[in-house]
PDB file of N, CA and C in Angstrom:
ATOM      1  N   MET A   1       0.828  -1.193   0.000  1.00  0.00           N
ATOM      2  CA  MET A   1       0.000   0.000   0.000  1.00  0.00           C
ATOM      3  C   MET A   1       0.873   1.259   0.000  1.00  0.00           C
ATOM      4  N   ILE A   2       1.867   1.287   0.886  1.00  0.00           N
ATOM      5  CA  ILE A   2       2.744   2.447   0.957  1.00  0.00           C
ATOM      6  C   ILE A   2       3.544   2.578  -0.332  1.00  0.00           C
ATOM      7  N   ASP A   3       3.979   1.433  -0.886  1.00  0.00           N
ATOM      8  CA  ASP A   3       4.736   1.469  -2.135  1.00  0.00           C
ATOM      9  C   ASP A   3       3.900   2.037  -3.275  1.00  0.00           C
ATOM     10  N   ASP A   4       2.608   1.698  -3.305  1.00  0.00           N
ATOM     11  CA  ASP A   4       1.712   2.242  -4.326  1.00  0.00           C
ATOM     12  C   ASP A   4       1.591   3.753  -4.175  1.00  0.00           C
ATOM     13  N   ASN A   5       1.493   4.215  -2.939  1.00  0.00           N
ATOM     14  CA  ASN A   5       1.384   5.641  -2.665  1.00  0.00           C
ATOM     15  C   ASN A   5       2.654   6.363  -3.115  1.00  0.00           C
ATOM     16  N   ILE A   6       3.811   5.786  -2.829  1.00  0.00           N
ATOM     17  CA  ILE A   6       5.093   6.373  -3.239  1.00  0.00           C
ATOM     18  C   ILE A   6       5.167   6.442  -4.760  1.00  0.00           C
ATOM     19  N   GLU A   7       4.732   5.395  -5.420  1.00  0.00           N
ATOM     20  CA  GLU A   7       4.755   5.375  -6.890  1.00  0.00           C
ATOM     21  C   GLU A   7       3.816   6.424  -7.475  1.00  0.00           C
ATOM     22  N   ASP A   8       2.669   6.612  -6.844  1.00  0.00           N
ATOM     23  CA  ASP A   8       1.736   7.660  -7.286  1.00  0.00           C
ATOM     24  C   ASP A   8       2.372   9.040  -7.155  1.00  0.00           C
ATOM     25  N   ILE A   9       3.050   9.252  -6.037  1.00  0.00           N
ATOM     26  CA  ILE A   9       3.709  10.545  -5.821  1.00  0.00           C
ATOM     27  C   ILE A   9       4.814  10.742  -6.854  1.00  0.00           C
ATOM     28  N   ARG A  10       5.597   9.716  -7.119  1.00  0.00           N
ATOM     29  CA  ARG A  10       6.666   9.817  -8.126  1.00  0.00           C
ATOM     30  C   ARG A  10       6.098  10.136  -9.509  1.00  0.00           C
ATOM     31  N   ARG A  11       4.990   9.489  -9.842  1.00  0.00           N
ATOM     32  CA  ARG A  11       4.357   9.731 -11.132  1.00  0.00           C
ATOM     33  C   ARG A  11       3.869  11.183 -11.222  1.00  0.00           C
ATOM     34  N   GLN A  12       3.242  11.654 -10.156  1.00  0.00           N
ATOM     35  CA  GLN A  12       2.769  13.039 -10.126  1.00  0.00           C
ATOM     36  C   GLN A  12       3.934  14.014 -10.238  1.00  0.00           C
ATOM     37  N   LEU A  13       5.036  13.711  -9.529  1.00  0.00           N
ATOM     38  CA  LEU A  13       6.210  14.575  -9.593  1.00  0.00           C
ATOM     39  C   LEU A  13       6.751  14.655 -11.018  1.00  0.00           C
ATOM     40  N   THR A  14       6.798  13.531 -11.686  1.00  0.00           N
ATOM     41  CA  THR A  14       7.285  13.504 -13.064  1.00  0.00           C
ATOM     42  C   THR A  14       6.406  14.369 -13.960  1.00  0.00           C
ATOM     43  N   GLU A  15       5.100  14.232 -13.817  1.00  0.00           N
ATOM     44  CA  GLU A  15       4.172  15.021 -14.627  1.00  0.00           C
ATOM     45  C   GLU A  15       4.302  16.514 -14.339  1.00  0.00           C
ATOM     46  N   LEU A  16       4.390  16.870 -13.065  1.00  0.00           N
ATOM     47  CA  LEU A  16       4.493  18.281 -12.696  1.00  0.00           C
ATOM     48  C   LEU A  16       5.818  18.887 -13.161  1.00  0.00           C
ATOM     49  N   ARG A  17       6.891  18.128 -13.030  1.00  0.00           N
ATOM     50  CA  ARG A  17       8.193  18.630 -13.487  1.00  0.00           C
ATOM     51  C   ARG A  17       8.199  18.838 -14.997  1.00  0.00           C
ATOM     52  N   THR A  18       7.568  17.935 -15.714  1.00  0.00           N
ATOM     53  CA  THR A  18       7.477  18.073 -17.167  1.00  0.00           C
ATOM     54  C   THR A  18       6.683  19.323 -17.538  1.00  0.00           C
ATOM     55  N   GLU A  19       5.552  19.521 -16.883  1.00  0.00           N
ATOM     56  CA  GLU A  19       4.735  20.710 -17.157  1.00  0.00           C
ATOM     57  C   GLU A  19       5.496  21.993 -16.798  1.00  0.00           C
ATOM     58  N   HIS A  20       6.233  21.961 -15.692  1.00  0.00           N
ATOM     59  CA  HIS A  20       7.021  23.117 -15.262  1.00  0.00           C
ATOM     60  C   HIS A  20       8.081  23.451 -16.309  1.00  0.00           C
ATOM     61  N   ARG A  21       8.770  22.436 -16.791  1.00  0.00           N
ATOM     62  CA  ARG A  21       9.804  22.617 -17.827  1.00  0.00           C
ATOM     63  C   ARG A  21       9.190  23.134 -19.132  1.00  0.00           C
ATOM     64  N   ASP A  22       8.039  22.599 -19.494  1.00  0.00           N
ATOM     65  CA  ASP A  22       7.359  23.052 -20.708  1.00  0.00           C
ATOM     66  C   ASP A  22       6.943  24.520 -20.589  1.00  0.00           C
ATOM     67  N   LEU A  23       6.459  24.910 -19.432  1.00  0.00           N
ATOM     68  CA  LEU A  23       6.083  26.309 -19.214  1.00  0.00           C
ATOM     69  C   LEU A  23       7.306  27.214 -19.319  1.00  0.00           C
ATOM     70  N   ASP A  24       8.428  26.734 -18.824  1.00  0.00           N
ATOM     71  CA  ASP A  24       9.677  27.484 -18.943  1.00  0.00           C
ATOM     72  C   ASP A  24       9.983  27.769 -20.412  1.00  0.00           C
ATOM     73  N   ASP A  25       9.841  26.751 -21.246  1.00  0.00           N
ATOM     74  CA  ASP A  25      10.084  26.900 -22.684  1.00  0.00           C
ATOM     75  C   ASP A  25       9.096  27.869 -23.322  1.00  0.00           C
ATOM     76  N   VAL A  26       7.837  27.755 -22.966  1.00  0.00           N
ATOM     77  CA  VAL A  26       6.804  28.631 -23.524  1.00  0.00           C
ATOM     78  C   VAL A  26       7.081  30.089 -23.146  1.00  0.00           C
ATOM     79  N   ILE A  27       7.435  30.311 -21.888  1.00  0.00           N
ATOM     80  CA  ILE A  27       7.725  31.674 -21.426  1.00  0.00           C
ATOM     81  C   ILE A  27       8.930  32.244 -22.168  1.00  0.00           C
ATOM     82  N   ALA A  28       9.967  31.447 -22.323  1.00  0.00           N
ATOM     83  CA  ALA A  28      11.165  31.915 -23.027  1.00  0.00           C
ATOM     84  C   ALA A  28      10.844  32.264 -24.479  1.00  0.00           C
ATOM     85  N   ARG A  29      10.078  31.412 -25.157  1.00  0.00           N
ATOM     86  CA  ARG A  29       9.710  31.688 -26.556  1.00  0.00           C
ATOM     87  C   ARG A  29       8.832  32.919 -26.672  1.00  0.00           C
ATOM     88  N   LEU A  30       7.937  33.102 -25.716  1.00  0.00           N
ATOM     89  CA  LEU A  30       7.058  34.268 -25.720  1.00  0.00           C
ATOM     90  C   LEU A  30       7.867  35.558 -25.595  1.00  0.00           C
ATOM     91  N   ILE A  31       8.834  35.560 -24.702  1.00  0.00           N
ATOM     92  CA  ILE A  31       9.661  36.746 -24.481  1.00  0.00           C
ATOM     93  C   ILE A  31      10.554  37.021 -25.694  1.00  0.00           C
ATOM     94  N   GLU A  32      11.133  35.974 -26.258  1.00  0.00           N
ATOM     95  CA  GLU A  32      12.032  36.133 -27.405  1.00  0.00           C
ATOM     96  C   GLU A  32      11.288  36.513 -28.677  1.00  0.00           C
ATOM     97  N   GLY A  33      10.019  36.199 -28.742  1.00  0.00           N
ATOM     98  CA  GLY A  33       9.240  36.389 -29.959  1.00  0.00           C
ATOM     99  C   GLY A  33       8.838  37.821 -30.254  1.00  0.00           C
ATOM    100  N   GLY A  34       9.301  38.756 -29.474  1.00  0.00           N
ATOM    101  CA  GLY A  34       8.941  40.143 -29.741  1.00  0.00           C
ATOM    102  C   GLY A  34       7.785  40.592 -28.883  1.00  0.00           C
ATOM    103  N   PRO A  35       6.927  41.432 -29.423  1.00  0.00           N
ATOM    104  CA  PRO A  35       5.809  41.946 -28.613  1.00  0.00           C
ATOM    105  C   PRO A  35       4.927  40.794 -28.102  1.00  0.00           C
ATOM    106  N   PHE A  36       4.555  40.886 -26.838  1.00  0.00           N
ATOM    107  CA  PHE A  36       3.730  39.828 -26.253  1.00  0.00           C
ATOM    108  C   PHE A  36       2.750  40.438 -25.266  1.00  0.00           C
ATOM    109  N   ASP A  37       1.753  39.662 -24.951  1.00  0.00           N
ATOM    110  CA  ASP A  37       0.712  40.076 -24.016  1.00  0.00           C
ATOM    111  C   ASP A  37       1.226  39.901 -22.583  1.00  0.00           C
ATOM    112  N   GLN A  38       1.345  40.993 -21.868  1.00  0.00           N
ATOM    113  CA  GLN A  38       1.876  40.965 -20.500  1.00  0.00           C
ATOM    114  C   GLN A  38       1.000  40.125 -19.572  1.00  0.00           C
ATOM    115  N   LEU A  39      -0.301  40.172 -19.774  1.00  0.00           N
ATOM    116  CA  LEU A  39      -1.218  39.405 -18.928  1.00  0.00           C
ATOM    117  C   LEU A  39      -1.001  37.901 -19.120  1.00  0.00           C
ATOM    118  N   THR A  40      -0.810  37.490 -20.363  1.00  0.00           N
ATOM    119  CA  THR A  40      -0.545  36.079 -20.641  1.00  0.00           C
ATOM    120  C   THR A  40       0.746  35.638 -19.962  1.00  0.00           C
ATOM    121  N   LEU A  41       1.769  36.462 -20.063  1.00  0.00           N
ATOM    122  CA  LEU A  41       3.046  36.151 -19.433  1.00  0.00           C
ATOM    123  C   LEU A  41       2.875  36.024 -17.915  1.00  0.00           C
ATOM    124  N   GLN A  42       2.136  36.931 -17.323  1.00  0.00           N
ATOM    125  CA  GLN A  42       1.883  36.896 -15.881  1.00  0.00           C
ATOM    126  C   GLN A  42       1.178  35.606 -15.474  1.00  0.00           C
ATOM    127  N   ARG A  43       0.191  35.216 -16.245  1.00  0.00           N
ATOM    128  CA  ARG A  43      -0.560  33.992 -15.936  1.00  0.00           C
ATOM    129  C   ARG A  43       0.323  32.761 -16.049  1.00  0.00           C
ATOM    130  N   LEU A  44       1.175  32.722 -17.072  1.00  0.00           N
ATOM    131  CA  LEU A  44       2.086  31.591 -17.238  1.00  0.00           C
ATOM    132  C   LEU A  44       3.064  31.502 -16.073  1.00  0.00           C
ATOM    133  N   LYS A  45       3.584  32.636 -15.660  1.00  0.00           N
ATOM    134  CA  LYS A  45       4.527  32.655 -14.543  1.00  0.00           C
ATOM    135  C   LYS A  45       3.839  32.253 -13.236  1.00  0.00           C
ATOM    136  N   LYS A  46       2.590  32.670 -13.064  1.00  0.00           N
ATOM    137  CA  LYS A  46       1.841  32.305 -11.866  1.00  0.00           C
ATOM    138  C   LYS A  46       1.590  30.799 -11.829  1.00  0.00           C
ATOM    139  N   ARG A  47       1.243  30.230 -12.977  1.00  0.00           N
ATOM    140  CA  ARG A  47       1.028  28.786 -13.074  1.00  0.00           C
ATOM    141  C   ARG A  47       2.333  28.033 -12.783  1.00  0.00           C
ATOM    142  N   LYS A  48       3.428  28.552 -13.307  1.00  0.00           N
ATOM    143  CA  LYS A  48       4.737  27.927 -13.091  1.00  0.00           C
ATOM    144  C   LYS A  48       5.085  27.930 -11.600  1.00  0.00           C
ATOM    145  N   LEU A  49       4.809  29.036 -10.918  1.00  0.00           N
ATOM    146  CA  LEU A  49       5.073  29.131  -9.489  1.00  0.00           C
ATOM    147  C   LEU A  49       4.193  28.159  -8.698  1.00  0.00           C
ATOM    148  N   ALA A  50       2.948  28.023  -9.091  1.00  0.00           N
ATOM    149  CA  ALA A  50       2.046  27.078  -8.430  1.00  0.00           C
ATOM    150  C   ALA A  50       2.549  25.646  -8.601  1.00  0.00           C
ATOM    151  N   LEU A  51       3.057  25.339  -9.795  1.00  0.00           N
ATOM    152  CA  LEU A  51       3.615  24.010 -10.034  1.00  0.00           C
ATOM    153  C   LEU A  51       4.830  23.773  -9.141  1.00  0.00           C
ATOM    154  N   LYS A  52       5.666  24.785  -9.010  1.00  0.00           N
ATOM    155  CA  LYS A  52       6.852  24.673  -8.156  1.00  0.00           C
ATOM    156  C   LYS A  52       6.444  24.368  -6.719  1.00  0.00           C
ATOM    157  N   ASP A  53       5.393  25.022  -6.243  1.00  0.00           N
ATOM    158  CA  ASP A  53       4.898  24.785  -4.885  1.00  0.00           C
ATOM    159  C   ASP A  53       4.363  23.357  -4.733  1.00  0.00           C
ATOM    160  N   GLN A  54       3.641  22.883  -5.731  1.00  0.00           N
ATOM    161  CA  GLN A  54       3.112  21.515  -5.697  1.00  0.00           C
ATOM    162  C   GLN A  54       4.253  20.503  -5.701  1.00  0.00           C
ATOM    163  N   ILE A  55       5.271  20.759  -6.501  1.00  0.00           N
ATOM    164  CA  ILE A  55       6.427  19.862  -6.561  1.00  0.00           C
ATOM    165  C   ILE A  55       7.109  19.804  -5.196  1.00  0.00           C
ATOM    166  N   ALA A  56       7.316  20.958  -4.570  1.00  0.00           N
ATOM    167  CA  ALA A  56       7.957  21.002  -3.249  1.00  0.00           C
ATOM    168  C   ALA A  56       7.127  20.249  -2.211  1.00  0.00           C
ATOM    169  N   ARG A  57       5.813  20.416  -2.276  1.00  0.00           N
ATOM    170  CA  ARG A  57       4.931  19.725  -1.315  1.00  0.00           C
ATOM    171  C   ARG A  57       5.029  18.210  -1.479  1.00  0.00           C
ATOM    172  N   LEU A  58       5.032  17.736  -2.720  1.00  0.00           N
ATOM    173  CA  LEU A  58       5.129  16.303  -2.967  1.00  0.00           C
ATOM    174  C   LEU A  58       6.512  15.757  -2.600  1.00  0.00           C
ATOM    175  N   GLU A  59       7.548  16.540  -2.865  1.00  0.00           N
ATOM    176  CA  GLU A  59       8.895  16.108  -2.490  1.00  0.00           C
ATOM    177  C   GLU A  59       9.002  15.960  -0.971  1.00  0.00           C
ATOM    178  N   ASN A  60       8.347  16.847  -0.234  1.00  0.00           N
ATOM    179  CA  ASN A  60       8.351  16.743   1.226  1.00  0.00           C
ATOM    180  C   ASN A  60       7.634  15.484   1.712  1.00  0.00           C
ATOM    181  N   LEU A  61       6.627  15.043   0.973  1.00  0.00           N
ATOM    182  CA  LEU A  61       5.928  13.806   1.328  1.00  0.00           C
ATOM    183  C   LEU A  61       6.824  12.583   1.146  1.00  0.00           C
ATOM    184  N   MET A  62       7.803  12.709   0.269  1.00  0.00           N
ATOM    185  CA  MET A  62       8.708  11.589  -0.023  1.00  0.00           C
ATOM    186  C   MET A  62       9.778  11.418   1.071  1.00  0.00           C
ATOM    187  N   ILE A  63      10.010  12.460   1.858  1.00  0.00           N
ATOM    188  CA  ILE A  63      11.021  12.397   2.919  1.00  0.00           C
ATOM    189  C   ILE A  63      10.415  11.700   4.115  1.00  0.00           C
ATOM    190  N   PRO A  64      11.040  10.616   4.566  1.00  0.00           N
ATOM    191  CA  PRO A  64      10.467   9.892   5.696  1.00  0.00           C
ATOM    192  C   PRO A  64      10.560  10.697   6.985  1.00  0.00           C
ATOM    193  N   ASP A  65       9.559  10.497   7.837  1.00  0.00           N
ATOM    194  CA  ASP A  65       9.556  11.151   9.138  1.00  0.00           C
ATOM    195  C   ASP A  65      10.606  10.464  10.019  1.00  0.00           C
ATOM    196  N   ILE A  66      11.425  11.270  10.673  1.00  0.00           N
ATOM    197  CA  ILE A  66      12.447  10.729  11.563  1.00  0.00           C
ATOM    198  C   ILE A  66      12.068  11.112  12.977  1.00  0.00           C
ATOM    199  N   ILE A  67      11.942  10.097  13.809  1.00  0.00           N
ATOM    200  CA  ILE A  67      11.600  10.336  15.198  1.00  0.00           C
ATOM    201  C   ILE A  67      12.900  10.653  15.947  1.00  0.00           C
ATOM    202  N   ALA A  68      12.946  11.824  16.547  1.00  0.00           N
ATOM    203  CA  ALA A  68      14.177  12.242  17.252  1.00  0.00           C
ATOM    204  C   ALA A  68      14.244  11.657  18.626  1.00  0.00           C
TER     205      ALA A  68
END
């Protein structure tokens, strides 16, 4: 059961990291492409930041609790 949960988290992390990387590419192309919509850029960056937060939260779930 725990192994299934870990695998689910790993799968989610892979998907989120891929989406984060893809957004990075989209943002770079948008900026390099000349005139662009500032609102669109803002929304993409906000989505990218939300993905980063989700990735960090899932990575924290992967760290085992250590009883001191």
